[in-house]
Amino acid sequence: MSAEHYRLLSHYNVWANALVVAKAAEASEADYFAPAAGLSFGSLHATLVHIMLGELVWLSRWQGEKPPEALKDGRQAATIAQTEVPTFAALREMWDRERANQEAFFASLTDAQVEAPLAYEDQYGNSNSQPLWQLMTHLLNHDTQFRAEAAVRLTQLGLSPGDLDLIVWLRHRR
């Protein structure tokens, strides 16, 4: 595994998330916050908050830090969405800050770091250690899963974000 590989996947992830967020900005407030069947976290807002929180939590761990206490349990995205990130504007502001932190992390990433084991605690205090590449792959896969849920909801609202496939992004950036 190489750092360049994860930089590439990170850029793709940012692009795909941005397409979904841009379409979410077009949703009415009622549709954006409405409960919707099939969403793991109940609403489009809570689903997007969950994606962003996953990125924040994992980046904290990759940098040897603990996630902010109020945001540590991504499974509580619906509750956190109401209390910590109550609006689309708050989500976008927080996500923009997080994206800048991620870009800095991936820009400085080395091949040795990608292969090295990383010790961290999960939200329940359990100690874990895995190669960083496995943890980065997990986050990218996690984003894909919940981005797909958000994209289905947006499509139901007539706001499809379009084709989010990696190959589309690779061809587009040529």
Foldseek 3Di string as FASTA:
>chain_A
DWLVVLLLLLVLLVVLLVLLLVLLVVDDPCQQAQFDPPALLGGLQLLLQLLLLLLQQLLCQLVVHGHPLLSQDSSNSNVCCVPVVVDSVSSVVSSVVSSVSVNVVSVPDGRVQQQAWGWDAHNVRDIDIDRNVVSSVVSSVVSVVSSVSSQVSSVVVVRHSPDSDPVVVVVVVD
